[in-house]
Amino acid sequence: MDRQLRQLQAFHERFGAHMEQAPTADIPAAVGEVRAHLIAEELEEYRAAFAAGDLVEIADALTDLLYLVLGTYHSHGLQDIAAELFDEVHRSNMTKLGANGQPVLREDGKVLKSELYSPPDLRAIIKRTTAT
């Protein structure tokens, strides 16, 4: 993920895209709206590619989504802690397994939280990295 985040930084620098150096929710509204719109647009492209069974277009849409999401980490100054945030969400997701070690699934296959679930503590990561 580090290499990809460096690539996104280079893109943002070269194309003048909004970047923050430290974590913040306070970015220009227009930046947040454009990013949300672009992510939604790529998600629709994925849906269309999936419906068409077009693996190349699926790969394109997923890669564009990843590119946009990682760029949005830069927009909010979260690039330096992106991997740590991901690791914490992964840790939390793994606690969704039930006491029997099996996933708890909804009828449509969505993984549900078990009685062992432990929510991600992203606040602690952000607070630790923004404390000066």
N, C-alpha and C. Protein backbone atom coordinates (compact mmCIF):
# COMPACT_ATOMS: atom_id res chain seq x y z
N MET A 1 0.82 -1.19 0.00
CA MET A 1 0.00 0.00 0.00
C MET A 1 0.87 1.27 0.00
N ASP A 2 2.06 1.17 0.59
CA ASP A 2 2.94 2.35 0.64
C ASP A 2 3.32 2.84 -0.76
N ARG A 3 3.67 1.90 -1.63
CA ARG A 3 4.06 2.28 -2.99
C ARG A 3 2.91 2.96 -3.71
N GLN A 4 1.73 2.40 -3.55
CA GLN A 4 0.56 2.98 -4.21
C GLN A 4 0.24 4.37 -3.65
N LEU A 5 0.39 4.54 -2.36
CA LEU A 5 0.15 5.86 -1.77
C LEU A 5 1.18 6.88 -2.27
N ARG A 6 2.44 6.45 -2.45
CA ARG A 6 3.45 7.35 -3.01
C ARG A 6 3.10 7.71 -4.45
N GLN A 7 2.60 6.75 -5.20
CA GLN A 7 2.18 7.02 -6.57
C GLN A 7 1.03 8.04 -6.59
N LEU A 8 0.10 7.90 -5.68
CA LEU A 8 -1.01 8.84 -5.60
C LEU A 8 -0.53 10.22 -5.20
N GLN A 9 0.47 10.28 -4.32
CA GLN A 9 1.03 11.57 -3.96
C GLN A 9 1.63 12.24 -5.19
N ALA A 10 2.37 11.47 -5.97
CA ALA A 10 2.96 12.02 -7.20
C ALA A 10 1.87 12.53 -8.14
N PHE A 11 0.79 11.77 -8.27
CA PHE A 11 -0.32 12.20 -9.12
C PHE A 11 -0.92 13.50 -8.60
N HIS A 12 -1.20 13.55 -7.32
CA HIS A 12 -1.79 14.75 -6.72
C HIS A 12 -0.89 15.96 -6.89
N GLU A 13 0.41 15.76 -6.67
CA GLU A 13 1.35 16.87 -6.83
C GLU A 13 1.37 17.34 -8.28
N ARG A 14 1.46 16.42 -9.21
CA ARG A 14 1.59 16.77 -10.63
C ARG A 14 0.32 17.41 -11.19
N PHE A 15 -0.83 16.96 -10.72
CA PHE A 15 -2.09 17.46 -11.25
C PHE A 15 -2.77 18.49 -10.36
N GLY A 16 -2.10 18.87 -9.28
CA GLY A 16 -2.63 19.91 -8.41
C GLY A 16 -3.87 19.50 -7.64
N ALA A 17 -4.01 18.22 -7.36
CA ALA A 17 -5.16 17.75 -6.58
C ALA A 17 -4.96 18.10 -5.11
N HIS A 18 -6.06 18.29 -4.42
CA HIS A 18 -6.02 18.69 -3.01
C HIS A 18 -5.36 17.61 -2.16
N MET A 19 -4.43 18.02 -1.32
CA MET A 19 -3.77 17.13 -0.37
C MET A 19 -3.63 17.83 0.97
N GLU A 20 -3.76 17.06 2.02
CA GLU A 20 -3.48 17.54 3.37
C GLU A 20 -2.28 16.75 3.89
N GLN A 21 -1.50 17.38 4.73
CA GLN A 21 -0.33 16.70 5.29
C GLN A 21 -0.62 16.00 6.60
N ALA A 22 -1.69 16.39 7.27
CA ALA A 22 -2.07 15.79 8.55
C ALA A 22 -3.55 15.43 8.50
N PRO A 23 -3.96 14.42 9.25
CA PRO A 23 -5.36 14.00 9.23
C PRO A 23 -6.34 15.13 9.56
N THR A 24 -7.36 15.26 8.71
CA THR A 24 -8.38 16.27 8.93
C THR A 24 -9.67 15.89 8.20
N ALA A 25 -10.77 16.24 8.83
CA ALA A 25 -12.07 16.11 8.16
C ALA A 25 -12.40 17.39 7.42
N ASP A 26 -11.68 18.45 7.75
CA ASP A 26 -11.96 19.79 7.24
C ASP A 26 -11.24 20.05 5.92
N ILE A 27 -11.85 19.57 4.84
CA ILE A 27 -11.33 19.87 3.51
C ILE A 27 -12.41 20.66 2.78
N PRO A 28 -12.05 21.34 1.71
CA PRO A 28 -13.08 22.10 0.98
C PRO A 28 -14.24 21.19 0.57
N ALA A 29 -15.44 21.68 0.75
CA ALA A 29 -16.64 20.91 0.43
C ALA A 29 -16.62 20.42 -1.01
N ALA A 30 -16.18 21.26 -1.91
CA ALA A 30 -16.15 20.87 -3.33
C ALA A 30 -15.24 19.67 -3.55
N VAL A 31 -14.13 19.59 -2.81
CA VAL A 31 -13.21 18.46 -2.95
C VAL A 31 -13.89 17.18 -2.49
N GLY A 32 -14.52 17.23 -1.34
CA GLY A 32 -15.21 16.05 -0.82
C GLY A 32 -16.34 15.60 -1.73
N GLU A 33 -17.08 16.57 -2.27
CA GLU A 33 -18.19 16.23 -3.16
C GLU A 33 -17.71 15.60 -4.45
N VAL A 34 -16.65 16.14 -5.03
CA VAL A 34 -16.12 15.57 -6.27
C VAL A 34 -15.62 14.16 -6.03
N ARG A 35 -14.91 13.94 -4.93
CA ARG A 35 -14.38 12.63 -4.64
C ARG A 35 -15.52 11.62 -4.45
N ALA A 36 -16.54 12.02 -3.70
CA ALA A 36 -17.69 11.12 -3.48
C ALA A 36 -18.38 10.81 -4.81
N HIS A 37 -18.52 11.82 -5.65
CA HIS A 37 -19.16 11.62 -6.96
C HIS A 37 -18.33 10.66 -7.83
N LEU A 38 -17.03 10.85 -7.86
CA LEU A 38 -16.17 10.00 -8.68
C LEU A 38 -16.18 8.55 -8.19
N ILE A 39 -16.18 8.37 -6.87
CA ILE A 39 -16.24 7.02 -6.31
C ILE A 39 -17.56 6.36 -6.70
N ALA A 40 -18.66 7.11 -6.59
CA ALA A 40 -19.97 6.57 -6.97
C ALA A 40 -20.01 6.23 -8.46
N GLU A 41 -19.39 7.07 -9.27
CA GLU A 41 -19.34 6.85 -10.72
C GLU A 41 -18.60 5.55 -11.04
N GLU A 42 -17.48 5.34 -10.40
CA GLU A 42 -16.71 4.11 -10.64
C GLU A 42 -17.44 2.89 -10.10
N LEU A 43 -18.16 3.05 -9.01
CA LEU A 43 -18.95 1.95 -8.48
C LEU A 43 -20.02 1.53 -9.49
N GLU A 44 -20.64 2.51 -10.13
CA GLU A 44 -21.63 2.20 -11.18
C GLU A 44 -20.97 1.50 -12.36
N GLU A 45 -19.75 1.90 -12.70
CA GLU A 45 -19.03 1.23 -13.78
C GLU A 45 -18.75 -0.23 -13.40
N TYR A 46 -18.44 -0.48 -12.13
CA TYR A 46 -18.24 -1.85 -11.68
C TYR A 46 -19.54 -2.65 -11.82
N ARG A 47 -20.64 -2.06 -11.37
CA ARG A 47 -21.93 -2.76 -11.47
C ARG A 47 -22.24 -3.14 -12.92
N ALA A 48 -22.01 -2.21 -13.84
CA ALA A 48 -22.28 -2.47 -15.26
C ALA A 48 -21.34 -3.56 -15.79
N ALA A 49 -20.08 -3.50 -15.43
CA ALA A 49 -19.11 -4.49 -15.89
C ALA A 49 -19.44 -5.87 -15.33
N PHE A 50 -19.84 -5.90 -14.06
CA PHE A 50 -20.23 -7.17 -13.45
C PHE A 50 -21.44 -7.75 -14.16
N ALA A 51 -22.44 -6.91 -14.39
CA ALA A 51 -23.66 -7.37 -15.08
C ALA A 51 -23.35 -7.89 -16.47
N ALA A 52 -22.37 -7.28 -17.13
CA ALA A 52 -22.00 -7.69 -18.48
C ALA A 52 -21.03 -8.88 -18.48
N GLY A 53 -20.51 -9.23 -17.30
CA GLY A 53 -19.55 -10.33 -17.23
C GLY A 53 -18.23 -10.00 -17.90
N ASP A 54 -17.87 -8.71 -17.89
CA ASP A 54 -16.66 -8.24 -18.57
C ASP A 54 -15.52 -8.07 -17.57
N LEU A 55 -14.66 -9.07 -17.50
CA LEU A 55 -13.59 -9.07 -16.50
C LEU A 55 -12.62 -7.90 -16.67
N VAL A 56 -12.32 -7.52 -17.89
CA VAL A 56 -11.41 -6.38 -18.11
C VAL A 56 -12.02 -5.11 -17.54
N GLU A 57 -13.29 -4.89 -17.81
CA GLU A 57 -13.96 -3.70 -17.28
C GLU A 57 -14.15 -3.77 -15.77
N ILE A 58 -14.33 -4.97 -15.24
CA ILE A 58 -14.39 -5.15 -13.78
C ILE A 58 -13.06 -4.72 -13.18
N ALA A 59 -11.96 -5.21 -13.75
CA ALA A 59 -10.63 -4.86 -13.26
C ALA A 59 -10.40 -3.35 -13.36
N ASP A 60 -10.83 -2.75 -14.47
CA ASP A 60 -10.69 -1.31 -14.65
C ASP A 60 -11.45 -0.55 -13.58
N ALA A 61 -12.70 -0.91 -13.36
CA ALA A 61 -13.52 -0.21 -12.37
C ALA A 61 -12.96 -0.37 -10.96
N LEU A 62 -12.56 -1.59 -10.62
CA LEU A 62 -12.02 -1.82 -9.27
C LEU A 62 -10.72 -1.06 -9.06
N THR A 63 -9.88 -1.04 -10.08
CA THR A 63 -8.61 -0.33 -9.96
C THR A 63 -8.84 1.17 -9.88
N ASP A 64 -9.78 1.68 -10.66
CA ASP A 64 -10.12 3.10 -10.56
C ASP A 64 -10.70 3.43 -9.19
N LEU A 65 -11.52 2.54 -8.64
CA LEU A 65 -12.05 2.76 -7.29
C LEU A 65 -10.92 2.83 -6.27
N LEU A 66 -10.00 1.88 -6.36
CA LEU A 66 -8.86 1.86 -5.44
C LEU A 66 -8.04 3.14 -5.58
N TYR A 67 -7.80 3.55 -6.80
CA TYR A 67 -7.04 4.77 -7.07
C TYR A 67 -7.73 5.97 -6.42
N LEU A 68 -9.04 6.07 -6.60
CA LEU A 68 -9.79 7.18 -6.02
C LEU A 68 -9.80 7.14 -4.50
N VAL A 69 -9.99 5.96 -3.94
CA VAL A 69 -10.04 5.84 -2.48
C VAL A 69 -8.67 6.19 -1.88
N LEU A 70 -7.61 5.66 -2.46
CA LEU A 70 -6.28 6.00 -1.94
C LEU A 70 -5.98 7.49 -2.11
N GLY A 71 -6.42 8.08 -3.20
CA GLY A 71 -6.26 9.52 -3.38
C GLY A 71 -7.04 10.29 -2.34
N THR A 72 -8.18 9.76 -1.94
CA THR A 72 -8.99 10.43 -0.93
C THR A 72 -8.32 10.38 0.44
N TYR A 73 -7.53 9.35 0.69
CA TYR A 73 -6.71 9.35 1.91
C TYR A 73 -5.80 10.58 1.90
N HIS A 74 -5.19 10.88 0.76
CA HIS A 74 -4.35 12.07 0.65
C HIS A 74 -5.17 13.34 0.84
N SER A 75 -6.36 13.38 0.29
CA SER A 75 -7.21 14.57 0.42
C SER A 75 -7.49 14.88 1.88
N HIS A 76 -7.57 13.84 2.71
CA HIS A 76 -7.86 14.02 4.14
C HIS A 76 -6.61 13.90 5.01
N GLY A 77 -5.45 13.81 4.40
CA GLY A 77 -4.22 13.73 5.18
C GLY A 77 -4.04 12.42 5.93
N LEU A 78 -4.68 11.37 5.48
CA LEU A 78 -4.63 10.08 6.16
C LEU A 78 -3.60 9.12 5.56
N GLN A 79 -2.85 9.58 4.57
CA GLN A 79 -1.93 8.71 3.85
C GLN A 79 -0.88 8.05 4.74
N ASP A 80 -0.39 8.75 5.74
CA ASP A 80 0.68 8.19 6.57
C ASP A 80 0.18 7.12 7.54
N ILE A 81 -1.12 7.06 7.75
CA ILE A 81 -1.67 6.06 8.67
C ILE A 81 -2.64 5.10 7.97
N ALA A 82 -2.70 5.16 6.65
CA ALA A 82 -3.64 4.33 5.89
C ALA A 82 -3.46 2.85 6.20
N ALA A 83 -2.23 2.37 6.19
CA ALA A 83 -1.99 0.95 6.44
C ALA A 83 -2.40 0.58 7.86
N GLU A 84 -2.12 1.43 8.81
CA GLU A 84 -2.49 1.16 10.21
C GLU A 84 -4.01 1.15 10.37
N LEU A 85 -4.69 2.09 9.71
CA LEU A 85 -6.15 2.10 9.74
C LEU A 85 -6.71 0.82 9.14
N PHE A 86 -6.15 0.42 8.00
CA PHE A 86 -6.59 -0.82 7.34
C PHE A 86 -6.38 -2.02 8.26
N ASP A 87 -5.20 -2.10 8.87
CA ASP A 87 -4.90 -3.21 9.78
C ASP A 87 -5.90 -3.27 10.93
N GLU A 88 -6.28 -2.12 11.46
CA GLU A 88 -7.23 -2.09 12.57
C GLU A 88 -8.62 -2.53 12.12
N VAL A 89 -9.05 -2.11 10.94
CA VAL A 89 -10.34 -2.57 10.42
C VAL A 89 -10.28 -4.08 10.16
N HIS A 90 -9.17 -4.55 9.65
CA HIS A 90 -9.02 -6.00 9.42
C HIS A 90 -9.10 -6.76 10.75
N ARG A 91 -8.40 -6.27 11.76
CA ARG A 91 -8.45 -6.90 13.08
C ARG A 91 -9.89 -7.00 13.55
N SER A 92 -10.61 -5.89 13.44
CA SER A 92 -12.00 -5.85 13.87
C SER A 92 -12.85 -6.83 13.06
N ASN A 93 -12.68 -6.83 11.75
CA ASN A 93 -13.47 -7.73 10.90
C ASN A 93 -13.25 -9.19 11.26
N MET A 94 -12.05 -9.52 11.65
CA MET A 94 -11.78 -10.92 12.01
C MET A 94 -12.48 -11.32 13.31
N THR A 95 -12.89 -10.36 14.14
CA THR A 95 -13.62 -10.68 15.36
C THR A 95 -15.10 -10.96 15.08
N LYS A 96 -15.51 -10.88 13.83
CA LYS A 96 -16.89 -11.20 13.48
C LYS A 96 -17.14 -12.70 13.47
N LEU A 97 -16.09 -13.50 13.50
CA LEU A 97 -16.26 -14.95 13.57
C LEU A 97 -17.00 -15.30 14.86
N GLY A 98 -17.85 -16.29 14.78
CA GLY A 98 -18.59 -16.73 15.95
C GLY A 98 -17.69 -17.53 16.90
N ALA A 99 -18.24 -17.89 18.05
CA ALA A 99 -17.49 -18.65 19.05
C ALA A 99 -17.03 -19.99 18.49
N ASN A 100 -17.74 -20.50 17.49
CA ASN A 100 -17.36 -21.77 16.86
C ASN A 100 -16.29 -21.59 15.78
N GLY A 101 -15.82 -20.34 15.60
CA GLY A 101 -14.79 -20.07 14.61
C GLY A 101 -15.33 -19.94 13.20
N GLN A 102 -16.64 -19.94 13.05
CA GLN A 102 -17.27 -19.85 11.74
C GLN A 102 -17.89 -18.47 11.55
N PRO A 103 -17.97 -18.01 10.30
CA PRO A 103 -18.60 -16.72 10.05
C PRO A 103 -20.10 -16.78 10.32
N VAL A 104 -20.63 -15.64 10.74
CA VAL A 104 -22.07 -15.47 10.90
C VAL A 104 -22.53 -14.73 9.65
N LEU A 105 -23.38 -15.39 8.85
CA LEU A 105 -23.75 -14.82 7.56
C LEU A 105 -25.24 -14.51 7.51
N ARG A 106 -25.55 -13.40 6.87
CA ARG A 106 -26.92 -13.07 6.55
C ARG A 106 -27.31 -13.92 5.34
N GLU A 107 -28.59 -14.01 5.06
CA GLU A 107 -29.07 -14.85 3.96
C GLU A 107 -28.40 -14.53 2.62
N ASP A 108 -28.09 -13.23 2.38
CA ASP A 108 -27.46 -12.85 1.12
C ASP A 108 -25.94 -12.99 1.12
N GLY A 109 -25.38 -13.50 2.21
CA GLY A 109 -23.94 -13.74 2.29
C GLY A 109 -23.15 -12.67 3.01
N LYS A 110 -23.80 -11.58 3.40
CA LYS A 110 -23.10 -10.51 4.13
C LYS A 110 -22.62 -11.07 5.47
N VAL A 111 -21.38 -10.78 5.82
CA VAL A 111 -20.83 -11.20 7.10
C VAL A 111 -21.40 -10.28 8.19
N LEU A 112 -21.94 -10.91 9.22
CA LEU A 112 -22.51 -10.17 10.33
C LEU A 112 -21.57 -10.19 11.53
N LYS A 113 -21.82 -9.32 12.48
CA LYS A 113 -21.02 -9.26 13.71
C LYS A 113 -21.48 -10.38 14.64
N SER A 114 -20.51 -11.06 15.22
CA SER A 114 -20.82 -12.11 16.19
C SER A 114 -20.81 -11.49 17.59
N GLU A 115 -21.08 -12.34 18.56
CA GLU A 115 -21.02 -11.89 19.95
C GLU A 115 -19.59 -11.55 20.37
N LEU A 116 -18.61 -11.97 19.58
CA LEU A 116 -17.20 -11.71 19.88
C LEU A 116 -16.69 -10.43 19.20
N TYR A 117 -17.55 -9.76 18.45
CA TYR A 117 -17.14 -8.59 17.67
C TYR A 117 -16.53 -7.51 18.55
N SER A 118 -15.45 -6.94 18.04
CA SER A 118 -14.76 -5.82 18.67
C SER A 118 -14.62 -4.73 17.61
N PRO A 119 -15.28 -3.58 17.80
CA PRO A 119 -15.23 -2.54 16.77
C PRO A 119 -13.82 -1.99 16.59
N PRO A 120 -13.55 -1.47 15.39
CA PRO A 120 -12.22 -0.88 15.16
C PRO A 120 -12.07 0.40 15.98
N ASP A 121 -10.88 0.60 16.50
CA ASP A 121 -10.60 1.82 17.27
C ASP A 121 -9.76 2.76 16.41
N LEU A 122 -10.39 3.33 15.40
CA LEU A 122 -9.70 4.24 14.49
C LEU A 122 -9.40 5.57 15.17
N ARG A 123 -10.27 5.95 16.09
CA ARG A 123 -10.07 7.21 16.82
C ARG A 123 -8.72 7.23 17.54
N ALA A 124 -8.35 6.12 18.15
CA ALA A 124 -7.07 6.06 18.88
C ALA A 124 -5.89 6.24 17.94
N ILE A 125 -5.97 5.64 16.75
CA ILE A 125 -4.89 5.78 15.77
C ILE A 125 -4.78 7.23 15.32
N ILE A 126 -5.92 7.81 14.98
CA ILE A 126 -5.92 9.20 14.52
C ILE A 126 -5.45 10.13 15.62
N LYS A 127 -5.96 9.93 16.82
CA LYS A 127 -5.59 10.80 17.96
C LYS A 127 -4.09 10.70 18.24
N ARG A 128 -3.56 9.48 18.22
CA ARG A 128 -2.12 9.29 18.50
C ARG A 128 -1.26 9.97 17.44
N THR A 129 -1.72 9.95 16.19
CA THR A 129 -0.89 10.51 15.12
C THR A 129 -1.09 12.02 14.95
N THR A 130 -2.13 12.57 15.54
CA THR A 130 -2.35 14.01 15.43
C THR A 130 -1.93 14.74 16.69
N ALA A 131 -1.65 14.00 17.77
CA ALA A 131 -1.21 14.64 19.00
C ALA A 131 0.21 15.16 18.82
N THR A 132 0.37 16.42 19.19
CA THR A 132 1.72 17.01 19.08
C THR A 132 2.12 17.63 20.39
